[in-house]
Amino acid sequence: MEFKYIISDPDILGGKPIIKGTRISIQLILEWIASGASVKSIVEEFPHLPKEGVQEAILYASRFLDKEILIEIKASAA
């Protein structure tokens, strides 16, 4: 699948995938979502981000989960 809004340029953020025309990384989008932000709230906060670009960032990340590496995390006794 080709992504219209996602690029990777070694001169921008060390080549991390970003939304084209910005310095907003896919990783940052996912961190915002994990913190409770919605696609709508992200676009309202950063109006230069196209809604479709934010949605594509989530899709991009999900496409690479099929190649995920599982890391065992043990709960600490609290």
C-alpha atoms as a PDB file:
ATOM      1  CA  MET A   1       0.000   0.000   0.000  1.00  0.00           C
ATOM      2  CA  GLU A   2       1.210   3.464  -0.823  1.00  0.00           C
ATOM      3  CA  PHE A   3       0.721   6.248   1.683  1.00  0.00           C
ATOM      4  CA  LYS A   4      -0.208   9.688   0.354  1.00  0.00           C
ATOM      5  CA  TYR A   5       0.478  11.685   3.534  1.00  0.00           C
ATOM      6  CA  ILE A   6       3.414   9.815   5.079  1.00  0.00           C
ATOM      7  CA  ILE A   7       7.044  10.384   4.123  1.00  0.00           C
ATOM      8  CA  SER A   8      10.432   9.549   5.535  1.00  0.00           C
ATOM      9  CA  ASP A   9      13.298  11.928   4.841  1.00  0.00           C
ATOM     10  CA  PRO A  10      16.725  11.399   6.426  1.00  0.00           C
ATOM     11  CA  ASP A  11      17.051  15.187   6.775  1.00  0.00           C
ATOM     12  CA  ILE A  12      13.871  15.482   8.872  1.00  0.00           C
ATOM     13  CA  LEU A  13      13.778  13.938  12.362  1.00  0.00           C
ATOM     14  CA  GLY A  14      16.500  11.489  11.374  1.00  0.00           C
ATOM     15  CA  GLY A  15      14.252   9.752   8.855  1.00  0.00           C
ATOM     16  CA  LYS A  16      11.351   8.973  11.197  1.00  0.00           C
ATOM     17  CA  PRO A  17       8.067   8.664   9.293  1.00  0.00           C
ATOM     18  CA  ILE A  18       6.225  11.985   9.418  1.00  0.00           C
ATOM     19  CA  ILE A  19       3.121  13.601   7.991  1.00  0.00           C
ATOM     20  CA  LYS A  20       4.190  15.238   4.743  1.00  0.00           C
ATOM     21  CA  GLY A  21       4.824  18.979   4.971  1.00  0.00           C
ATOM     22  CA  THR A  22       5.296  18.867   8.752  1.00  0.00           C
ATOM     23  CA  ARG A  23       7.741  17.734  11.389  1.00  0.00           C
ATOM     24  CA  ILE A  24       4.978  15.763  13.123  1.00  0.00           C
ATOM     25  CA  SER A  25       6.028  12.121  13.427  1.00  0.00           C
ATOM     26  CA  ILE A  26       3.784   9.079  13.344  1.00  0.00           C
ATOM     27  CA  GLN A  27       5.147   8.279  16.794  1.00  0.00           C
ATOM     28  CA  LEU A  28       3.961  11.646  18.145  1.00  0.00           C
ATOM     29  CA  ILE A  29       0.475  11.136  16.676  1.00  0.00           C
ATOM     30  CA  LEU A  30       0.275   7.746  18.408  1.00  0.00           C
ATOM     31  CA  GLU A  31       1.459   9.249  21.699  1.00  0.00           C
ATOM     32  CA  TRP A  32      -1.276  11.890  21.490  1.00  0.00           C
ATOM     33  CA  ILE A  33      -3.898   9.217  20.812  1.00  0.00           C
ATOM     34  CA  ALA A  34      -2.576   7.103  23.688  1.00  0.00           C
ATOM     35  CA  SER A  35      -2.952  10.174  25.918  1.00  0.00           C
ATOM     36  CA  GLY A  36      -6.637  10.394  25.020  1.00  0.00           C
ATOM     37  CA  ALA A  37      -6.625  12.769  22.060  1.00  0.00           C
ATOM     38  CA  SER A  38      -9.015  12.109  19.191  1.00  0.00           C
ATOM     39  CA  VAL A  39      -8.268  12.666  15.521  1.00  0.00           C
ATOM     40  CA  LYS A  40     -10.652  15.634  15.673  1.00  0.00           C
ATOM     41  CA  SER A  41      -8.903  17.207  18.667  1.00  0.00           C
ATOM     42  CA  ILE A  42      -5.463  16.757  17.072  1.00  0.00           C
ATOM     43  CA  VAL A  43      -6.614  18.493  13.881  1.00  0.00           C
ATOM     44  CA  GLU A  44      -8.258  21.279  15.888  1.00  0.00           C
ATOM     45  CA  GLU A  45      -5.030  21.824  17.853  1.00  0.00           C
ATOM     46  CA  PHE A  46      -2.843  21.629  14.725  1.00  0.00           C
ATOM     47  CA  PRO A  47      -4.969  22.927  11.832  1.00  0.00           C
ATOM     48  CA  HIS A  48      -2.091  22.518   9.373  1.00  0.00           C
ATOM     49  CA  LEU A  49      -2.457  18.728   9.779  1.00  0.00           C
ATOM     50  CA  PRO A  50      -4.964  17.244   7.358  1.00  0.00           C
ATOM     51  CA  LYS A  51      -7.512  14.947   9.022  1.00  0.00           C
ATOM     52  CA  GLU A  52      -6.735  12.309   6.403  1.00  0.00           C
ATOM     53  CA  GLY A  53      -3.036  12.571   7.261  1.00  0.00           C
ATOM     54  CA  VAL A  54      -3.688  11.884  10.936  1.00  0.00           C
ATOM     55  CA  GLN A  55      -5.930   8.941  10.055  1.00  0.00           C
ATOM     56  CA  GLU A  56      -3.287   7.629   7.653  1.00  0.00           C
ATOM     57  CA  ALA A  57      -0.655   7.883  10.393  1.00  0.00           C
ATOM     58  CA  ILE A  58      -2.710   5.475  12.504  1.00  0.00           C
ATOM     59  CA  LEU A  59      -3.182   3.134   9.555  1.00  0.00           C
ATOM     60  CA  TYR A  60       0.545   3.317   8.778  1.00  0.00           C
ATOM     61  CA  ALA A  61       1.412   2.278  12.334  1.00  0.00           C
ATOM     62  CA  SER A  62      -1.113  -0.564  12.303  1.00  0.00           C
ATOM     63  CA  ARG A  63       0.313  -1.958   9.057  1.00  0.00           C
ATOM     64  CA  PHE A  64       3.672  -2.461  10.715  1.00  0.00           C
ATOM     65  CA  LEU A  65       2.316  -4.241  13.778  1.00  0.00           C
ATOM     66  CA  ASP A  66       2.202  -7.487  11.817  1.00  0.00           C
ATOM     67  CA  LYS A  67       6.008  -7.339  11.991  1.00  0.00           C
ATOM     68  CA  GLU A  68       5.994  -6.560  15.700  1.00  0.00           C
ATOM     69  CA  ILE A  69       8.494  -7.830  18.211  1.00  0.00           C
ATOM     70  CA  LEU A  70       6.904  -8.892  21.464  1.00  0.00           C
ATOM     71  CA  ILE A  71       8.596  -7.744  24.635  1.00  0.00           C
ATOM     72  CA  GLU A  72       7.560  -9.461  27.833  1.00  0.00           C
ATOM     73  CA  ILE A  73       6.632  -7.006  30.548  1.00  0.00           C
ATOM     74  CA  LYS A  74       6.256  -8.250  34.083  1.00  0.00           C
ATOM     75  CA  ALA A  75       4.087  -6.383  36.527  1.00  0.00           C
ATOM     76  CA  SER A  76       5.925  -5.141  39.550  1.00  0.00           C
ATOM     77  CA  ALA A  77       4.642  -5.921  42.986  1.00  0.00           C
ATOM     78  CA  ALA A  78       3.217  -2.699  44.298  1.00  0.00           C
END
